[in-house]
Protein backbone atom coordinates (compact mmCIF):
# COMPACT_ATOMS: atom_id res chain seq x y z
CA UNK A 1 23.30 12.52 -2.01
CA UNK A 2 23.90 8.92 -0.99
CA UNK A 3 22.24 8.42 2.36
CA UNK A 4 24.39 6.38 4.79
CA UNK A 5 23.52 4.72 8.07
CA UNK A 6 26.10 3.37 10.51
CA UNK A 7 25.06 0.41 12.63
CA UNK A 8 27.44 0.44 15.61
CA UNK A 9 29.62 3.28 16.86
CA UNK A 10 32.92 1.90 18.06
CA UNK A 11 36.29 2.66 16.50
CA UNK A 12 35.17 1.51 13.04
CA UNK A 13 31.88 3.38 13.20
CA UNK A 14 33.73 6.60 14.05
CA UNK A 15 36.19 5.89 11.23
CA UNK A 16 33.31 5.58 8.75
CA UNK A 17 31.79 8.80 10.02
CA UNK A 18 35.10 10.60 9.43
CA UNK A 19 35.27 9.17 5.89
CA UNK A 20 31.75 10.32 5.01
CA UNK A 21 32.81 13.91 5.71
CA UNK A 22 35.48 13.59 2.99
CA UNK A 23 32.98 12.43 0.35
CA UNK A 24 30.86 15.27 -1.04
CA UNK A 25 28.21 12.97 -2.51
CA UNK A 26 27.33 11.34 0.82
CA UNK A 27 25.51 12.24 4.00
CA UNK A 28 25.25 10.43 7.33
CA UNK A 29 21.58 10.06 8.18
CA UNK A 30 21.75 8.13 11.44
CA UNK A 31 23.92 6.10 13.78
CA UNK A 32 22.24 3.04 15.28
CA UNK A 33 23.42 1.88 18.67
CA UNK A 34 22.72 -0.90 21.15
CA UNK A 35 23.59 1.57 23.89
CA UNK A 36 21.28 4.25 25.26
CA UNK A 37 21.04 6.75 22.36
CA UNK A 38 20.95 9.71 24.74
CA UNK A 39 24.37 8.69 26.08
CA UNK A 40 26.04 8.73 22.65
CA UNK A 41 27.61 11.88 21.24
CA UNK A 42 28.59 11.70 17.56
CA UNK A 43 30.64 14.08 15.43
CA UNK A 44 27.92 14.86 12.85
CA UNK A 45 25.38 17.34 14.22
CA UNK A 46 22.91 16.78 11.37
CA UNK A 47 22.71 13.00 11.93
CA UNK A 48 20.46 11.30 14.44
CA UNK A 49 21.38 8.73 17.08
CA UNK A 50 18.81 5.95 17.09
CA UNK A 51 18.31 2.79 19.11
CA UNK A 52 19.26 -0.33 17.15
CA UNK A 53 15.84 -1.81 17.91
CA UNK A 54 14.24 1.01 15.87
CA UNK A 55 16.39 0.45 12.78
CA UNK A 56 13.45 -0.62 10.60
CA UNK A 57 11.93 2.85 11.01
CA UNK A 58 14.68 3.95 8.59
CA UNK A 59 14.08 1.28 5.97
CA UNK A 60 13.27 3.84 3.24
CA UNK A 61 15.55 6.62 4.52
CA UNK A 62 18.94 4.97 4.03
CA UNK A 63 20.59 3.92 0.77
CA UNK A 64 23.46 1.92 2.31
CA UNK A 65 23.83 0.66 5.86
CA UNK A 66 27.40 0.27 7.12
CA UNK A 67 27.52 -2.53 9.70
CA UNK A 68 30.37 -1.60 12.00
CA UNK A 69 30.40 -4.69 14.21
CA UNK A 70 32.95 -7.31 15.12
CA UNK A 71 33.59 -10.38 12.99
CA UNK A 72 33.72 -12.82 15.89
CA UNK A 73 30.06 -12.66 16.95
CA UNK A 74 28.33 -9.59 15.46
CA UNK A 75 28.61 -9.71 11.67
CA UNK A 76 27.69 -13.38 11.12
CA UNK A 77 24.28 -12.51 12.59
CA UNK A 78 23.86 -8.82 11.78
CA UNK A 79 24.70 -8.80 8.07
CA UNK A 80 22.28 -11.56 6.93
CA UNK A 81 19.58 -10.01 9.13
CA UNK A 82 19.98 -6.37 8.10
CA UNK A 83 20.28 -7.17 4.39
CA UNK A 84 16.67 -8.29 4.54
CA UNK A 85 15.71 -4.59 4.69
CA UNK A 86 18.76 -2.57 3.58
CA UNK A 87 21.65 -2.55 1.17
CA UNK A 88 24.54 -3.27 3.54
CA UNK A 89 28.32 -3.36 3.70
CA UNK A 90 30.51 -4.98 6.36
CA UNK A 91 34.18 -5.59 7.13
CA UNK A 92 34.00 -9.30 7.99
CA UNK A 93 37.64 -10.34 8.39
CA UNK A 94 37.71 -13.94 9.59
CA UNK A 95 39.32 -15.21 6.37
CA UNK A 96 38.58 -18.89 7.02
CA UNK A 97 34.85 -18.20 7.34
CA UNK A 98 34.40 -15.85 4.37
CA UNK A 99 32.82 -18.53 2.08
CA UNK A 100 30.13 -19.45 4.62
CA UNK A 101 29.45 -15.78 5.44
CA UNK A 102 29.16 -15.04 1.71
CA UNK A 103 26.66 -17.89 1.27
CA UNK A 104 24.46 -16.73 4.16
CA UNK A 105 24.45 -13.09 3.04
CA UNK A 106 23.91 -13.97 -0.63
CA UNK A 107 20.86 -16.07 0.16
CA UNK A 108 19.25 -13.36 2.30
CA UNK A 109 20.17 -10.53 -0.12
CA UNK A 110 18.69 -12.25 -3.17
CA UNK A 111 15.44 -12.95 -1.32
CA UNK A 112 15.10 -9.29 -0.35
CA UNK A 113 16.47 -7.85 -3.62
CA UNK A 114 19.29 -6.02 -1.84
CA UNK A 115 23.09 -5.83 -2.12
CA UNK A 116 25.09 -7.35 0.72
CA UNK A 117 28.72 -6.32 0.40
CA UNK A 118 31.08 -8.22 2.71
CA UNK A 119 34.72 -8.25 3.81
CA UNK A 120 35.47 -4.68 2.81
CA UNK A 121 38.53 -2.95 4.23
CA UNK A 122 42.23 -3.38 3.61
CA UNK A 123 42.56 -7.08 4.42
CA UNK A 124 40.27 -8.52 3.35
CA UNK A 125 39.64 -5.80 0.80
CA UNK A 126 42.51 -3.86 -0.77
CA UNK A 127 45.01 -6.66 -0.08
CA UNK A 128 42.59 -9.21 -1.57
CA UNK A 129 42.25 -7.16 -4.74
CA UNK A 130 46.01 -6.81 -5.12
CA UNK A 131 46.56 -10.52 -4.53
CA UNK A 132 44.07 -11.31 -7.31
CA UNK A 133 45.73 -8.91 -9.76
CA UNK A 134 49.23 -10.16 -8.92
CA UNK A 135 48.18 -13.80 -9.38
CA UNK A 136 46.77 -13.04 -12.81
CA UNK A 137 49.94 -11.20 -13.92
CA UNK A 138 52.42 -13.74 -12.49
CA UNK A 139 50.67 -17.13 -12.59
CA UNK A 140 53.97 -18.94 -11.96
CA UNK A 141 54.65 -17.55 -8.50
CA UNK A 142 53.82 -17.35 -4.82
CA UNK A 143 51.80 -14.92 -2.70
CA UNK A 144 52.99 -13.60 0.63
CA UNK A 145 50.99 -11.38 2.97
CA UNK A 146 52.54 -9.71 6.00
CA UNK A 147 50.54 -7.62 8.47
CA UNK A 148 51.87 -5.04 10.89
CA UNK A 149 53.40 -4.04 13.03
CA UNK A 150 50.05 -2.80 14.14
CA UNK A 151 46.91 -3.18 16.20
CA UNK A 152 44.38 -5.64 14.82
CA UNK A 153 40.86 -4.46 15.67
CA UNK A 154 39.35 -7.89 15.04
CA UNK A 155 41.86 -9.74 17.19
CA UNK A 156 41.65 -7.14 19.96
CA UNK A 157 37.87 -7.44 19.89
CA UNK A 158 38.10 -11.23 20.09
CA UNK A 159 40.21 -10.96 23.25
CA UNK A 160 37.76 -8.49 24.79
CA UNK A 161 34.99 -11.07 24.35
CA UNK A 162 36.76 -13.43 26.76
CA UNK A 163 35.16 -13.54 30.20
CA UNK A 164 37.08 -11.47 32.72
CA UNK A 165 38.78 -9.18 30.18
CA UNK A 166 38.20 -5.43 30.60
CA UNK A 167 40.17 -4.23 27.56
CA UNK A 168 42.92 -5.43 25.24
CA UNK A 169 45.19 -4.53 22.32
CA UNK A 170 46.75 -7.10 20.00
CA UNK A 171 49.74 -6.31 17.82
CA UNK A 172 50.51 -8.35 14.72
CA UNK A 173 54.25 -8.34 13.99
CA UNK A 174 55.93 -9.58 10.78
CA UNK A 175 58.98 -11.79 11.24
CA UNK A 176 61.75 -9.71 9.65
CA UNK A 177 63.78 -12.69 8.46
CA UNK A 178 60.80 -14.08 6.54
CA UNK A 179 59.99 -10.68 5.00
CA UNK A 180 63.61 -10.22 3.86
CA UNK A 181 63.68 -13.67 2.25
CA UNK A 182 60.52 -12.92 0.25
CA UNK A 183 61.71 -9.50 -0.92
CA UNK A 184 64.97 -11.04 -2.13
CA UNK A 185 63.03 -13.23 -4.59
CA UNK A 186 63.93 -16.46 -2.80
CA UNK A 187 60.31 -17.71 -2.98
CA UNK A 188 60.49 -19.53 0.37
CA UNK A 189 57.79 -21.85 1.66
CA UNK A 190 56.68 -20.33 4.97
CA UNK A 191 54.22 -21.56 7.56
CA UNK A 192 51.77 -19.20 9.24
CA UNK A 193 53.87 -19.35 12.39
CA UNK A 194 57.06 -18.42 10.51
CA UNK A 195 55.58 -15.23 9.05
CA UNK A 196 54.10 -13.45 12.07
CA UNK A 197 54.05 -13.27 15.83
CA UNK A 198 51.23 -11.88 17.94
CA UNK A 199 51.65 -9.77 21.05
CA UNK A 200 48.72 -9.09 23.37
CA UNK A 201 48.33 -6.49 26.10
CA UNK A 202 45.40 -7.41 28.31
CA UNK A 203 43.60 -5.73 31.21
CA UNK A 204 41.80 -8.34 33.33
CA UNK A 205 39.39 -7.94 36.24
CA UNK A 206 41.06 -10.49 38.50
CA UNK A 207 44.71 -11.65 38.53
CA UNK A 208 43.44 -15.10 39.47
CA UNK A 209 42.10 -15.40 35.90
CA UNK A 210 45.42 -14.64 34.18
CA UNK A 211 46.30 -18.26 33.44
CA UNK A 212 42.83 -19.10 32.10
CA UNK A 213 42.65 -15.98 29.93
CA UNK A 214 46.12 -16.55 28.49
CA UNK A 215 45.23 -20.14 27.67
CA UNK A 216 41.97 -19.10 25.97
CA UNK A 217 43.81 -16.50 23.88
CA UNK A 218 46.58 -18.82 22.74
CA UNK A 219 44.16 -21.62 21.86
CA UNK A 220 41.59 -19.44 20.03
CA UNK A 221 41.05 -20.90 16.52
CA UNK A 222 41.31 -18.58 13.49
CA UNK A 223 42.91 -15.90 15.66
CA UNK A 224 45.86 -17.13 17.75
CA UNK A 225 46.24 -20.92 17.71
CA UNK A 226 48.48 -20.93 14.62
CA UNK A 227 50.87 -18.22 15.87
CA UNK A 228 53.56 -17.74 18.49
CA UNK A 229 51.63 -15.51 20.86
CA UNK A 230 52.86 -13.51 23.85
CA UNK A 231 50.38 -12.23 26.43
CA UNK A 232 51.15 -9.35 28.80
CA UNK A 233 48.78 -8.43 31.61
CA UNK A 234 48.85 -4.71 32.39
CA UNK A 235 46.76 -2.07 34.14
CA UNK A 236 44.09 -0.01 32.44
CA UNK A 237 46.22 3.09 33.02
CA UNK A 238 49.17 1.47 31.21
CA UNK A 239 46.93 0.47 28.31
CA UNK A 240 45.58 4.01 27.90
CA UNK A 241 49.03 5.56 28.19
CA UNK A 242 51.09 3.21 26.01
CA UNK A 243 48.58 1.59 23.64
CA UNK A 244 46.05 4.32 22.91
CA UNK A 245 46.57 4.56 19.13
CA UNK A 246 45.41 2.12 16.48
CA UNK A 247 48.16 2.08 13.84
CA UNK A 248 48.54 -0.76 11.34
CA UNK A 249 49.74 -1.64 7.88
CA UNK A 250 51.37 -4.42 5.98
CA UNK A 251 52.62 -5.82 2.71
CA UNK A 252 51.26 -8.00 -0.08
CA UNK A 253 54.05 -9.48 -2.16
CA UNK A 254 54.04 -11.86 -5.13
CA UNK A 255 57.26 -13.30 -6.43
CA UNK A 256 57.06 -15.10 -9.75
CA UNK A 257 58.80 -16.10 -12.95
CA UNK A 258 58.00 -15.18 -16.54
CA UNK A 259 60.74 -17.49 -17.84
CA UNK A 260 63.17 -19.94 -16.25
CA UNK A 261 65.78 -17.36 -15.24
CA UNK A 262 63.63 -14.21 -14.95
CA UNK A 263 61.96 -13.50 -11.61
CA UNK A 264 59.82 -10.50 -10.61
CA UNK A 265 58.64 -9.19 -7.25
CA UNK A 266 55.43 -7.11 -6.98
CA UNK A 267 54.75 -5.39 -3.67
CA UNK A 268 51.80 -3.37 -2.38
CA UNK A 269 52.18 -1.81 1.04
CA UNK A 270 50.22 0.28 3.52
CA UNK A 271 51.36 2.33 6.50
CA UNK A 272 48.35 3.50 8.47
CA UNK A 273 48.20 5.98 11.33
CA UNK A 274 44.67 4.78 12.09
CA UNK A 275 43.44 1.33 11.18
CA UNK A 276 39.72 2.17 11.71
CA UNK A 277 39.86 5.46 9.81
CA UNK A 278 41.51 3.86 6.79
CA UNK A 279 39.18 0.85 6.94
CA UNK A 280 36.27 3.28 7.16
CA UNK A 281 37.55 5.12 4.08
CA UNK A 282 37.63 1.89 2.07
CA UNK A 283 34.14 0.94 3.25
CA UNK A 284 32.67 4.32 2.33
CA UNK A 285 34.25 4.24 -1.15
CA UNK A 286 32.70 0.83 -1.77
CA UNK A 287 29.39 1.98 -0.27
CA UNK A 288 29.19 4.17 -3.36
CA UNK A 289 29.51 1.04 -5.51
CA UNK A 290 26.80 -0.67 -3.44
CA UNK A 291 24.49 2.28 -4.14
CA UNK A 292 25.22 2.16 -7.86
CA UNK A 293 24.74 -1.62 -8.07
CA UNK A 294 21.42 -1.25 -6.30
CA UNK A 295 20.34 1.43 -8.77
CA UNK A 296 21.09 -1.10 -11.54
CA UNK A 297 18.67 -3.49 -9.77
CA UNK A 298 21.40 -5.96 -8.85
CA UNK A 299 21.01 -8.15 -5.80
CA UNK A 300 23.01 -10.70 -3.82
CA UNK A 301 26.35 -10.77 -2.05
CA UNK A 302 29.32 -8.85 -3.44
CA UNK A 303 33.01 -8.38 -2.62
CA UNK A 304 35.81 -6.16 -3.95
CA UNK A 305 36.30 -8.71 -6.74
CA UNK A 306 32.94 -7.72 -8.25
CA UNK A 307 33.47 -3.96 -8.50
CA UNK A 308 34.90 -2.01 -11.43
CA UNK A 309 37.21 0.81 -10.24
CA UNK A 310 34.97 3.41 -11.88
CA UNK A 311 32.10 2.46 -9.54
CA UNK A 312 33.92 3.67 -6.42
CA UNK A 313 34.93 7.02 -7.93
CA UNK A 314 33.36 10.43 -7.39
CA UNK A 315 34.74 11.69 -10.72
CA UNK A 316 33.38 10.84 -14.16
CA UNK A 317 34.78 8.14 -16.42
CA UNK A 318 35.98 10.86 -18.78
CA UNK A 319 38.00 12.44 -15.96
CA UNK A 320 39.51 9.06 -15.13
CA UNK A 321 40.59 8.61 -18.74
CA UNK A 322 42.07 12.09 -18.90
CA UNK A 323 43.87 12.26 -15.58
CA UNK A 324 44.26 8.82 -14.01
CA UNK A 325 44.71 6.28 -16.81
């Protein structure tokens, strides 16, 4: 059995726990929390709830540590630190900062002889992999990525970090006109702002802070500053009633030519009832690859680009050849 730890128990942590139950070669050993462990009830009765400050007590009891933190402030610190003592995997999703995060994790992982797997999920992750394959197949073409309509966990978390915010949900919404133009094979040149809008539903402590909070959201780099963003202030009751789910999805499209008058459109799409449960399922599949890479004595930072499909499978290579190829 592959022994898994989960560091953090928010929506993503619970999603990873649900995924572990679907994988017969894995077991959840412990959940590590910054909260009071006695206050946390998890869904796996055989796993322990442990204070995050005691994580090193499990150094030799866990094969892969899933770091279920936020990309804005948690993962840039947690992943390079935890990889000093564990094989780790995270879902870092601030695309602009992936190269620097990779560099920091790679340096720490090589020093400690561990695997540090970053940016695992559906974007970055599954969408990244499909973009790479599409680019190789249609080198004379353009990539287009559309997200939503759905709740972005990373963007919602970034809003919740703003002073005075109690809770928030952020929906990413594709611009239909842009999506239709791409699917038609037009190959348009689109700005970030032309492809998506962002809609935020925010619960704030004090109405006097509405203007400041809205300004901070709309000017937040890497998250909102490049988009047309609408901010709605609502009550906590309204948020729980109307925005309780975490659906998401999106499309990766490449339109390209193989000769002057022959154009092709490749599309990969996802429609997710639960963003964190699907993200958790991707992470847990790649945790298997992390375990196998570690057993081969590999070390350093890795992404989905480094993993052969057979390394995330529970079935044998022979079964893949017989039934999947």
